Amino acid sequence: MKNVLLAAVFLGVSTFGALAQTATPPATTDGDTPAVATPDKTNPTAPVAGANSFTEAQAKDRLAEAGYTDLTGLKLDDTGVWRATAMKDGKSLQVALDYQGNIVAN
């Protein structure tokens, strides 16, 4: 009984680190909106998985135009979403840019 209780406590404590992290949501395949986001409207299901045609330079430019600075770790993930860490309004955020041009930040 003691071992089961100890294992449960250990398992519970080990999940606290995961709760402290904030990341952009996973990419969805529900992209029933136009292929390109407009400046004043973002797909509510963003980021949307799909073949991303943005080059790394274009992704950097698009994020910079949206006001994100100090971009680090920009990588294209296996769902076609560019992900990075960036600064905006003095806060460090996780950002995602999908093939539609939607930018999501947490």
PDB file of N, CA and C in Angstrom:
ATOM      1  N   MET A   1       0.831  -1.194   0.000  1.00  0.00           N
ATOM      2  CA  MET A   1       0.000   0.000   0.000  1.00  0.00           C
ATOM      3  C   MET A   1       0.870   1.250   0.000  1.00  0.00           C
ATOM      4  N   LYS A   2       1.962   1.204   0.800  1.00  0.00           N
ATOM      5  CA  LYS A   2       2.861   2.345   0.858  1.00  0.00           C
ATOM      6  C   LYS A   2       3.480   2.624  -0.513  1.00  0.00           C
ATOM      7  N   ASN A   3       3.851   1.552  -1.227  1.00  0.00           N
ATOM      8  CA  ASN A   3       4.477   1.724  -2.544  1.00  0.00           C
ATOM      9  C   ASN A   3       3.507   2.333  -3.545  1.00  0.00           C
ATOM     10  N   VAL A   4       2.256   1.944  -3.486  1.00  0.00           N
ATOM     11  CA  VAL A   4       1.255   2.496  -4.396  1.00  0.00           C
ATOM     12  C   VAL A   4       1.050   3.975  -4.116  1.00  0.00           C
ATOM     13  N   LEU A   5       0.961   4.329  -2.848  1.00  0.00           N
ATOM     14  CA  LEU A   5       0.795   5.728  -2.468  1.00  0.00           C
ATOM     15  C   LEU A   5       2.002   6.555  -2.886  1.00  0.00           C
ATOM     16  N   LEU A   6       3.190   6.026  -2.663  1.00  0.00           N
ATOM     17  CA  LEU A   6       4.418   6.719  -3.041  1.00  0.00           C
ATOM     18  C   LEU A   6       4.474   6.904  -4.558  1.00  0.00           C
ATOM     19  N   ALA A   7       4.103   5.891  -5.316  1.00  0.00           N
ATOM     20  CA  ALA A   7       4.100   5.990  -6.774  1.00  0.00           C
ATOM     21  C   ALA A   7       3.091   7.034  -7.245  1.00  0.00           C
ATOM     22  N   ALA A   8       1.928   7.098  -6.621  1.00  0.00           N
ATOM     23  CA  ALA A   8       0.915   8.079  -6.994  1.00  0.00           C
ATOM     24  C   ALA A   8       1.393   9.495  -6.718  1.00  0.00           C
ATOM     25  N   VAL A   9       2.030   9.709  -5.587  1.00  0.00           N
ATOM     26  CA  VAL A   9       2.564  11.030  -5.248  1.00  0.00           C
ATOM     27  C   VAL A   9       3.642  11.427  -6.239  1.00  0.00           C
ATOM     28  N   PHE A  10       4.545  10.516  -6.559  1.00  0.00           N
ATOM     29  CA  PHE A  10       5.618  10.804  -7.507  1.00  0.00           C
ATOM     30  C   PHE A  10       5.049  11.158  -8.874  1.00  0.00           C
ATOM     31  N   LEU A  11       4.068  10.413  -9.330  1.00  0.00           N
ATOM     32  CA  LEU A  11       3.448  10.670 -10.624  1.00  0.00           C
ATOM     33  C   LEU A  11       2.764  12.037 -10.637  1.00  0.00           C
ATOM     34  N   GLY A  12       2.084  12.374  -9.573  1.00  0.00           N
ATOM     35  CA  GLY A  12       1.407  13.670  -9.477  1.00  0.00           C
ATOM     36  C   GLY A  12       2.378  14.828  -9.490  1.00  0.00           C
ATOM     37  N   VAL A  13       3.478  14.713  -8.770  1.00  0.00           N
ATOM     38  CA  VAL A  13       4.478  15.777  -8.702  1.00  0.00           C
ATOM     39  C   VAL A  13       5.187  15.937 -10.042  1.00  0.00           C
ATOM     40  N   SER A  14       5.398  14.853 -10.757  1.00  0.00           N
ATOM     41  CA  SER A  14       6.127  14.944 -12.022  1.00  0.00           C
ATOM     42  C   SER A  14       5.335  15.668 -13.104  1.00  0.00           C
ATOM     43  N   THR A  15       4.044  15.847 -12.942  1.00  0.00           N
ATOM     44  CA  THR A  15       3.244  16.543 -13.959  1.00  0.00           C
ATOM     45  C   THR A  15       3.210  18.048 -13.764  1.00  0.00           C
ATOM     46  N   PHE A  16       3.676  18.561 -12.627  1.00  0.00           N
ATOM     47  CA  PHE A  16       3.644  19.998 -12.382  1.00  0.00           C
ATOM     48  C   PHE A  16       4.474  20.770 -13.395  1.00  0.00           C
ATOM     49  N   GLY A  17       5.606  20.227 -13.838  1.00  0.00           N
ATOM     50  CA  GLY A  17       6.442  20.904 -14.826  1.00  0.00           C
ATOM     51  C   GLY A  17       5.708  21.115 -16.132  1.00  0.00           C
ATOM     52  N   ALA A  18       4.907  20.164 -16.528  1.00  0.00           N
ATOM     53  CA  ALA A  18       4.162  20.287 -17.777  1.00  0.00           C
ATOM     54  C   ALA A  18       3.098  21.370 -17.676  1.00  0.00           C
ATOM     55  N   LEU A  19       2.515  21.567 -16.531  1.00  0.00           N
ATOM     56  CA  LEU A  19       1.494  22.587 -16.356  1.00  0.00           C
ATOM     57  C   LEU A  19       2.065  23.998 -16.440  1.00  0.00           C
ATOM     58  N   ALA A  20       3.333  24.159 -16.089  1.00  0.00           N
ATOM     59  CA  ALA A  20       3.946  25.484 -16.066  1.00  0.00           C
ATOM     60  C   ALA A  20       4.299  25.973 -17.470  1.00  0.00           C
ATOM     61  N   GLN A  21       4.362  25.087 -18.437  1.00  0.00           N
ATOM     62  CA  GLN A  21       4.745  25.483 -19.778  1.00  0.00           C
ATOM     63  C   GLN A  21       3.516  25.917 -20.567  1.00  0.00           C
ATOM     64  N   THR A  22       3.693  26.998 -21.330  1.00  0.00           N
ATOM     65  CA  THR A  22       2.624  27.394 -22.245  1.00  0.00           C
ATOM     66  C   THR A  22       3.169  27.261 -23.645  1.00  0.00           C
ATOM     67  N   ALA A  23       2.421  26.660 -24.493  1.00  0.00           N
ATOM     68  CA  ALA A  23       2.836  26.471 -25.876  1.00  0.00           C
ATOM     69  C   ALA A  23       1.644  26.757 -26.772  1.00  0.00           C
ATOM     70  N   THR A  24       1.956  27.013 -28.021  1.00  0.00           N
ATOM     71  CA  THR A  24       0.873  27.224 -28.962  1.00  0.00           C
ATOM     72  C   THR A  24       0.111  25.923 -29.131  1.00  0.00           C
ATOM     73  N   PRO A  25      -1.155  26.010 -29.462  1.00  0.00           N
ATOM     74  CA  PRO A  25      -1.945  24.792 -29.605  1.00  0.00           C
ATOM     75  C   PRO A  25      -1.447  23.929 -30.759  1.00  0.00           C
ATOM     76  N   PRO A  26      -1.747  22.645 -30.709  1.00  0.00           N
ATOM     77  CA  PRO A  26      -1.348  21.784 -31.821  1.00  0.00           C
ATOM     78  C   PRO A  26      -2.108  22.163 -33.086  1.00  0.00           C
ATOM     79  N   ALA A  27      -1.524  21.855 -34.219  1.00  0.00           N
ATOM     80  CA  ALA A  27      -2.158  22.164 -35.498  1.00  0.00           C
ATOM     81  C   ALA A  27      -3.393  21.298 -35.696  1.00  0.00           C
ATOM     82  N   THR A  28      -4.423  21.910 -36.251  1.00  0.00           N
ATOM     83  CA  THR A  28      -5.653  21.177 -36.546  1.00  0.00           C
ATOM     84  C   THR A  28      -5.749  20.924 -38.041  1.00  0.00           C
ATOM     85  N   THR A  29      -6.584  20.006 -38.408  1.00  0.00           N
ATOM     86  CA  THR A  29      -6.810  19.751 -39.827  1.00  0.00           C
ATOM     87  C   THR A  29      -8.135  20.343 -40.280  1.00  0.00           C
ATOM     88  N   ASP A  30      -8.788  21.105 -39.404  1.00  0.00           N
ATOM     89  CA  ASP A  30     -10.069  21.744 -39.706  1.00  0.00           C
ATOM     90  C   ASP A  30      -9.805  23.119 -40.292  1.00  0.00           C
ATOM     91  N   GLY A  31      -9.522  23.189 -41.577  1.00  0.00           N
ATOM     92  CA  GLY A  31      -9.178  24.448 -42.219  1.00  0.00           C
ATOM     93  C   GLY A  31     -10.249  24.934 -43.170  1.00  0.00           C
ATOM     94  N   ASP A  32     -11.497  24.918 -42.755  1.00  0.00           N
ATOM     95  CA  ASP A  32     -12.602  25.327 -43.624  1.00  0.00           C
ATOM     96  C   ASP A  32     -12.720  26.844 -43.744  1.00  0.00           C
ATOM     97  N   THR A  33     -11.620  27.490 -44.004  1.00  0.00           N
ATOM     98  CA  THR A  33     -11.600  28.931 -44.218  1.00  0.00           C
ATOM     99  C   THR A  33     -10.692  29.203 -45.408  1.00  0.00           C
ATOM    100  N   PRO A  34     -10.625  30.445 -45.869  1.00  0.00           N
ATOM    101  CA  PRO A  34      -9.765  30.752 -47.014  1.00  0.00           C
ATOM    102  C   PRO A  34      -8.320  30.320 -46.779  1.00  0.00           C
ATOM    103  N   ALA A  35      -7.609  30.077 -47.872  1.00  0.00           N
ATOM    104  CA  ALA A  35      -6.232  29.598 -47.781  1.00  0.00           C
ATOM    105  C   ALA A  35      -5.279  30.637 -47.206  1.00  0.00           C
ATOM    106  N   VAL A  36      -5.650  31.900 -47.234  1.00  0.00           N
ATOM    107  CA  VAL A  36      -4.780  32.950 -46.701  1.00  0.00           C
ATOM    108  C   VAL A  36      -5.555  33.777 -45.688  1.00  0.00           C
ATOM    109  N   ALA A  37      -4.958  33.997 -44.533  1.00  0.00           N
ATOM    110  CA  ALA A  37      -5.596  34.809 -43.502  1.00  0.00           C
ATOM    111  C   ALA A  37      -5.536  36.274 -43.905  1.00  0.00           C
ATOM    112  N   THR A  38      -6.556  37.015 -43.561  1.00  0.00           N
ATOM    113  CA  THR A  38      -6.549  38.451 -43.806  1.00  0.00           C
ATOM    114  C   THR A  38      -6.005  39.137 -42.557  1.00  0.00           C
ATOM    115  N   PRO A  39      -5.488  40.361 -42.700  1.00  0.00           N
ATOM    116  CA  PRO A  39      -4.878  41.017 -41.540  1.00  0.00           C
ATOM    117  C   PRO A  39      -5.811  41.195 -40.350  1.00  0.00           C
ATOM    118  N   ASP A  40      -7.103  41.324 -40.599  1.00  0.00           N
ATOM    119  CA  ASP A  40      -8.021  41.584 -39.492  1.00  0.00           C
ATOM    120  C   ASP A  40      -8.791  40.345 -39.037  1.00  0.00           C
ATOM    121  N   LYS A  41      -8.493  39.195 -39.606  1.00  0.00           N
ATOM    122  CA  LYS A  41      -9.229  37.991 -39.241  1.00  0.00           C
ATOM    123  C   LYS A  41      -8.305  36.776 -39.218  1.00  0.00           C
ATOM    124  N   THR A  42      -8.385  35.995 -38.163  1.00  0.00           N
ATOM    125  CA  THR A  42      -7.597  34.779 -38.018  1.00  0.00           C
ATOM    126  C   THR A  42      -8.543  33.599 -37.949  1.00  0.00           C
ATOM    127  N   ASN A  43      -8.157  32.518 -38.578  1.00  0.00           N
ATOM    128  CA  ASN A  43      -8.945  31.294 -38.519  1.00  0.00           C
ATOM    129  C   ASN A  43      -9.066  30.877 -37.056  1.00  0.00           C
ATOM    130  N   PRO A  44     -10.292  30.698 -36.554  1.00  0.00           N
ATOM    131  CA  PRO A  44     -10.454  30.342 -35.139  1.00  0.00           C
ATOM    132  C   PRO A  44      -9.888  28.980 -34.775  1.00  0.00           C
ATOM    133  N   THR A  45      -9.620  28.132 -35.766  1.00  0.00           N
ATOM    134  CA  THR A  45      -9.038  26.821 -35.467  1.00  0.00           C
ATOM    135  C   THR A  45      -7.529  26.812 -35.670  1.00  0.00           C
ATOM    136  N   ALA A  46      -6.928  27.978 -35.856  1.00  0.00           N
ATOM    137  CA  ALA A  46      -5.489  28.080 -36.112  1.00  0.00           C
ATOM    138  C   ALA A  46      -4.690  27.611 -34.909  1.00  0.00           C
ATOM    139  N   PRO A  47      -3.498  27.088 -35.133  1.00  0.00           N
ATOM    140  CA  PRO A  47      -2.850  26.910 -36.426  1.00  0.00           C
ATOM    141  C   PRO A  47      -3.398  25.679 -37.158  1.00  0.00           C
ATOM    142  N   VAL A  48      -3.481  25.810 -38.480  1.00  0.00           N
ATOM    143  CA  VAL A  48      -4.034  24.750 -39.311  1.00  0.00           C
ATOM    144  C   VAL A  48      -2.899  23.972 -39.969  1.00  0.00           C
ATOM    145  N   ALA A  49      -2.960  22.654 -39.876  1.00  0.00           N
ATOM    146  CA  ALA A  49      -1.943  21.801 -40.500  1.00  0.00           C
ATOM    147  C   ALA A  49      -2.096  21.848 -42.006  1.00  0.00           C
ATOM    148  N   GLY A  50      -0.983  21.836 -42.697  1.00  0.00           N
ATOM    149  CA  GLY A  50      -1.021  21.826 -44.154  1.00  0.00           C
ATOM    150  C   GLY A  50       0.343  22.112 -44.735  1.00  0.00           C
ATOM    151  N   ALA A  51       0.474  21.909 -46.023  1.00  0.00           N
ATOM    152  CA  ALA A  51       1.748  22.143 -46.703  1.00  0.00           C
ATOM    153  C   ALA A  51       2.058  23.635 -46.687  1.00  0.00           C
ATOM    154  N   ASN A  52       3.085  24.018 -45.965  1.00  0.00           N
ATOM    155  CA  ASN A  52       3.433  25.428 -45.803  1.00  0.00           C
ATOM    156  C   ASN A  52       4.395  25.843 -46.897  1.00  0.00           C
ATOM    157  N   SER A  53       4.048  26.885 -47.633  1.00  0.00           N
ATOM    158  CA  SER A  53       4.910  27.361 -48.713  1.00  0.00           C
ATOM    159  C   SER A  53       5.761  28.556 -48.287  1.00  0.00           C
ATOM    160  N   PHE A  54       5.614  29.017 -47.039  1.00  0.00           N
ATOM    161  CA  PHE A  54       6.463  30.111 -46.562  1.00  0.00           C
ATOM    162  C   PHE A  54       7.891  29.610 -46.396  1.00  0.00           C
ATOM    163  N   THR A  55       8.852  30.372 -46.921  1.00  0.00           N
ATOM    164  CA  THR A  55      10.249  30.065 -46.635  1.00  0.00           C
ATOM    165  C   THR A  55      10.550  30.567 -45.221  1.00  0.00           C
ATOM    166  N   GLU A  56      11.694  30.213 -44.703  1.00  0.00           N
ATOM    167  CA  GLU A  56      12.074  30.684 -43.370  1.00  0.00           C
ATOM    168  C   GLU A  56      12.129  32.209 -43.335  1.00  0.00           C
ATOM    169  N   ALA A  57      12.684  32.812 -44.376  1.00  0.00           N
ATOM    170  CA  ALA A  57      12.774  34.275 -44.437  1.00  0.00           C
ATOM    171  C   ALA A  57      11.382  34.915 -44.482  1.00  0.00           C
ATOM    172  N   GLN A  58      10.472  34.318 -45.251  1.00  0.00           N
ATOM    173  CA  GLN A  58       9.109  34.848 -45.316  1.00  0.00           C
ATOM    174  C   GLN A  58       8.392  34.697 -43.977  1.00  0.00           C
ATOM    175  N   ALA A  59       8.624  33.591 -43.292  1.00  0.00           N
ATOM    176  CA  ALA A  59       8.013  33.396 -41.974  1.00  0.00           C
ATOM    177  C   ALA A  59       8.532  34.446 -40.993  1.00  0.00           C
ATOM    178  N   LYS A  60       9.839  34.701 -41.018  1.00  0.00           N
ATOM    179  CA  LYS A  60      10.421  35.738 -40.154  1.00  0.00           C
ATOM    180  C   LYS A  60       9.814  37.099 -40.462  1.00  0.00           C
ATOM    181  N   ASP A  61       9.714  37.430 -41.750  1.00  0.00           N
ATOM    182  CA  ASP A  61       9.155  38.723 -42.148  1.00  0.00           C
ATOM    183  C   ASP A  61       7.697  38.866 -41.701  1.00  0.00           C
ATOM    184  N   ARG A  62       6.917  37.822 -41.884  1.00  0.00           N
ATOM    185  CA  ARG A  62       5.496  37.882 -41.512  1.00  0.00           C
ATOM    186  C   ARG A  62       5.337  38.073 -40.006  1.00  0.00           C
ATOM    187  N   LEU A  63       6.160  37.378 -39.222  1.00  0.00           N
ATOM    188  CA  LEU A  63       6.104  37.531 -37.761  1.00  0.00           C
ATOM    189  C   LEU A  63       6.573  38.932 -37.349  1.00  0.00           C
ATOM    190  N   ALA A  64       7.605  39.441 -38.008  1.00  0.00           N
ATOM    191  CA  ALA A  64       8.092  40.794 -37.712  1.00  0.00           C
ATOM    192  C   ALA A  64       7.029  41.840 -38.040  1.00  0.00           C
ATOM    193  N   GLU A  65       6.340  41.671 -39.162  1.00  0.00           N
ATOM    194  CA  GLU A  65       5.272  42.598 -39.548  1.00  0.00           C
ATOM    195  C   GLU A  65       4.127  42.590 -38.532  1.00  0.00           C
ATOM    196  N   ALA A  66       3.963  41.476 -37.841  1.00  0.00           N
ATOM    197  CA  ALA A  66       2.916  41.362 -36.819  1.00  0.00           C
ATOM    198  C   ALA A  66       3.395  41.892 -35.462  1.00  0.00           C
ATOM    199  N   GLY A  67       4.634  42.389 -35.408  1.00  0.00           N
ATOM    200  CA  GLY A  67       5.122  43.006 -34.181  1.00  0.00           C
ATOM    201  C   GLY A  67       5.955  42.114 -33.290  1.00  0.00           C
ATOM    202  N   TYR A  68       6.349  40.940 -33.755  1.00  0.00           N
ATOM    203  CA  TYR A  68       7.165  40.034 -32.950  1.00  0.00           C
ATOM    204  C   TYR A  68       8.637  40.306 -33.210  1.00  0.00           C
ATOM    205  N   THR A  69       9.420  40.349 -32.149  1.00  0.00           N
ATOM    206  CA  THR A  69      10.856  40.612 -32.252  1.00  0.00           C
ATOM    207  C   THR A  69      11.631  39.505 -31.543  1.00  0.00           C
ATOM    208  N   ASP A  70      12.952  39.568 -31.647  1.00  0.00           N
ATOM    209  CA  ASP A  70      13.850  38.610 -30.980  1.00  0.00           C
ATOM    210  C   ASP A  70      13.424  37.164 -31.223  1.00  0.00           C
ATOM    211  N   LEU A  71      13.176  36.846 -32.458  1.00  0.00           N
ATOM    212  CA  LEU A  71      12.735  35.512 -32.857  1.00  0.00           C
ATOM    213  C   LEU A  71      13.863  34.502 -32.649  1.00  0.00           C
ATOM    214  N   THR A  72      13.590  33.415 -31.940  1.00  0.00           N
ATOM    215  CA  THR A  72      14.586  32.366 -31.744  1.00  0.00           C
ATOM    216  C   THR A  72      13.956  31.000 -31.961  1.00  0.00           C
ATOM    217  N   GLY A  73      14.772  30.070 -32.429  1.00  0.00           N
ATOM    218  CA  GLY A  73      14.338  28.687 -32.581  1.00  0.00           C
ATOM    219  C   GLY A  73      13.277  28.466 -33.630  1.00  0.00           C
ATOM    220  N   LEU A  74      13.269  29.272 -34.692  1.00  0.00           N
ATOM    221  CA  LEU A  74      12.243  29.125 -35.727  1.00  0.00           C
ATOM    222  C   LEU A  74      12.453  27.810 -36.471  1.00  0.00           C
ATOM    223  N   LYS A  75      11.431  26.958 -36.437  1.00  0.00           N
ATOM    224  CA  LYS A  75      11.502  25.657 -37.113  1.00  0.00           C
ATOM    225  C   LYS A  75      10.142  25.305 -37.696  1.00  0.00           C
ATOM    226  N   LEU A  76      10.165  24.622 -38.829  1.00  0.00           N
ATOM    227  CA  LEU A  76       8.959  24.119 -39.464  1.00  0.00           C
ATOM    228  C   LEU A  76       8.699  22.730 -38.893  1.00  0.00           C
ATOM    229  N   ASP A  77       7.543  22.549 -38.224  1.00  0.00           N
ATOM    230  CA  ASP A  77       7.265  21.246 -37.611  1.00  0.00           C
ATOM    231  C   ASP A  77       6.682  20.267 -38.629  1.00  0.00           C
ATOM    232  N   ASP A  78       6.424  19.059 -38.195  1.00  0.00           N
ATOM    233  CA  ASP A  78       5.973  18.013 -39.109  1.00  0.00           C
ATOM    234  C   ASP A  78       4.527  18.177 -39.575  1.00  0.00           C
ATOM    235  N   THR A  79       3.805  19.166 -39.038  1.00  0.00           N
ATOM    236  CA  THR A  79       2.443  19.446 -39.503  1.00  0.00           C
ATOM    237  C   THR A  79       2.400  20.647 -40.455  1.00  0.00           C
ATOM    238  N   GLY A  80       3.571  21.222 -40.762  1.00  0.00           N
ATOM    239  CA  GLY A  80       3.632  22.353 -41.673  1.00  0.00           C
ATOM    240  C   GLY A  80       3.446  23.697 -40.998  1.00  0.00           C
ATOM    241  N   VAL A  81       3.672  23.765 -39.687  1.00  0.00           N
ATOM    242  CA  VAL A  81       3.514  25.008 -38.932  1.00  0.00           C
ATOM    243  C   VAL A  81       4.893  25.495 -38.492  1.00  0.00           C
ATOM    244  N   TRP A  82       5.191  26.771 -38.790  1.00  0.00           N
ATOM    245  CA  TRP A  82       6.427  27.386 -38.297  1.00  0.00           C
ATOM    246  C   TRP A  82       6.224  27.723 -36.831  1.00  0.00           C
ATOM    247  N   ARG A  83       7.166  27.346 -35.965  1.00  0.00           N
ATOM    248  CA  ARG A  83       7.077  27.607 -34.518  1.00  0.00           C
ATOM    249  C   ARG A  83       8.369  28.252 -34.032  1.00  0.00           C
ATOM    250  N   ALA A  84       8.235  29.171 -33.070  1.00  0.00           N
ATOM    251  CA  ALA A  84       9.402  29.873 -32.533  1.00  0.00           C
ATOM    252  C   ALA A  84       9.042  30.501 -31.189  1.00  0.00           C
ATOM    253  N   THR A  85      10.055  31.069 -30.569  1.00  0.00           N
ATOM    254  CA  THR A  85       9.875  31.901 -29.390  1.00  0.00           C
ATOM    255  C   THR A  85      10.160  33.331 -29.826  1.00  0.00           C
ATOM    256  N   ALA A  86       9.341  34.273 -29.376  1.00  0.00           N
ATOM    257  CA  ALA A  86       9.501  35.664 -29.784  1.00  0.00           C
ATOM    258  C   ALA A  86       9.073  36.589 -28.651  1.00  0.00           C
ATOM    259  N   MET A  87       9.403  37.859 -28.802  1.00  0.00           N
ATOM    260  CA  MET A  87       9.009  38.891 -27.834  1.00  0.00           C
ATOM    261  C   MET A  87       7.959  39.792 -28.478  1.00  0.00           C
ATOM    262  N   LYS A  88       6.971  40.175 -27.677  1.00  0.00           N
ATOM    263  CA  LYS A  88       5.999  41.173 -28.108  1.00  0.00           C
ATOM    264  C   LYS A  88       5.456  41.853 -26.862  1.00  0.00           C
ATOM    265  N   ASP A  89       5.438  43.169 -26.880  1.00  0.00           N
ATOM    266  CA  ASP A  89       4.958  43.963 -25.747  1.00  0.00           C
ATOM    267  C   ASP A  89       5.681  43.590 -24.460  1.00  0.00           C
ATOM    268  N   GLY A  90       6.983  43.312 -24.576  1.00  0.00           N
ATOM    269  CA  GLY A  90       7.800  42.998 -23.402  1.00  0.00           C
ATOM    270  C   GLY A  90       7.604  41.602 -22.841  1.00  0.00           C
ATOM    271  N   LYS A  91       6.884  40.743 -23.556  1.00  0.00           N
ATOM    272  CA  LYS A  91       6.628  39.386 -23.074  1.00  0.00           C
ATOM    273  C   LYS A  91       7.224  38.368 -24.033  1.00  0.00           C
ATOM    274  N   SER A  92       7.779  37.300 -23.478  1.00  0.00           N
ATOM    275  CA  SER A  92       8.271  36.188 -24.273  1.00  0.00           C
ATOM    276  C   SER A  92       7.106  35.245 -24.543  1.00  0.00           C
ATOM    277  N   LEU A  93       6.901  34.917 -25.817  1.00  0.00           N
ATOM    278  CA  LEU A  93       5.763  34.097 -26.220  1.00  0.00           C
ATOM    279  C   LEU A  93       6.189  32.977 -27.154  1.00  0.00           C
ATOM    280  N   GLN A  94       5.413  31.913 -27.163  1.00  0.00           N
ATOM    281  CA  GLN A  94       5.552  30.870 -28.172  1.00  0.00           C
ATOM    282  C   GLN A  94       4.634  31.277 -29.319  1.00  0.00           C
ATOM    283  N   VAL A  95       5.158  31.328 -30.538  1.00  0.00           N
ATOM    284  CA  VAL A  95       4.356  31.727 -31.682  1.00  0.00           C
ATOM    285  C   VAL A  95       4.306  30.608 -32.717  1.00  0.00           C
ATOM    286  N   ALA A  96       3.213  30.570 -33.457  1.00  0.00           N
ATOM    287  CA  ALA A  96       3.042  29.605 -34.535  1.00  0.00           C
ATOM    288  C   ALA A  96       2.483  30.333 -35.747  1.00  0.00           C
ATOM    289  N   LEU A  97       2.988  29.996 -36.929  1.00  0.00           N
ATOM    290  CA  LEU A  97       2.534  30.562 -38.193  1.00  0.00           C
ATOM    291  C   LEU A  97       2.175  29.403 -39.111  1.00  0.00           C
ATOM    292  N   ASP A  98       0.892  29.321 -39.495  1.00  0.00           N
ATOM    293  CA  ASP A  98       0.479  28.212 -40.358  1.00  0.00           C
ATOM    294  C   ASP A  98       0.482  28.622 -41.825  1.00  0.00           C
ATOM    295  N   TYR A  99       0.152  27.687 -42.699  1.00  0.00           N
ATOM    296  CA  TYR A  99       0.212  27.937 -44.140  1.00  0.00           C
ATOM    297  C   TYR A  99      -0.798  28.976 -44.602  1.00  0.00           C
ATOM    298  N   GLN A 100      -1.848  29.221 -43.806  1.00  0.00           N
ATOM    299  CA  GLN A 100      -2.837  30.238 -44.163  1.00  0.00           C
ATOM    300  C   GLN A 100      -2.369  31.635 -43.764  1.00  0.00           C
ATOM    301  N   GLY A 101      -1.277  31.720 -43.030  1.00  0.00           N
ATOM    302  CA  GLY A 101      -0.790  33.010 -42.563  1.00  0.00           C
ATOM    303  C   GLY A 101      -1.298  33.371 -41.183  1.00  0.00           C
ATOM    304  N   ASN A 102      -2.031  32.471 -40.549  1.00  0.00           N
ATOM    305  CA  ASN A 102      -2.517  32.717 -39.186  1.00  0.00           C
ATOM    306  C   ASN A 102      -1.356  32.686 -38.205  1.00  0.00           C
ATOM    307  N   ILE A 103      -1.331  33.648 -37.312  1.00  0.00           N
ATOM    308  CA  ILE A 103      -0.321  33.683 -36.260  1.00  0.00           C
ATOM    309  C   ILE A 103      -1.032  33.468 -34.937  1.00  0.00           C
ATOM    310  N   VAL A 104      -0.566  32.499 -34.175  1.00  0.00           N
ATOM    311  CA  VAL A 104      -1.111  32.198 -32.856  1.00  0.00           C
ATOM    312  C   VAL A 104       0.021  32.332 -31.865  1.00  0.00           C
ATOM    313  N   ALA A 105      -0.247  32.996 -30.752  1.00  0.00           N
ATOM    314  CA  ALA A 105       0.792  33.192 -29.737  1.00  0.00           C
ATOM    315  C   ALA A 105       0.230  32.890 -28.349  1.00  0.00           C
ATOM    316  N   ASN A 106       1.051  32.271 -27.532  1.00  0.00           N
ATOM    317  CA  ASN A 106       0.729  31.986 -26.117  1.00  0.00           C
ATOM    318  C   ASN A 106       1.908  32.343 -25.270  1.00  0.00           C
TER     319      ASN A 106
END
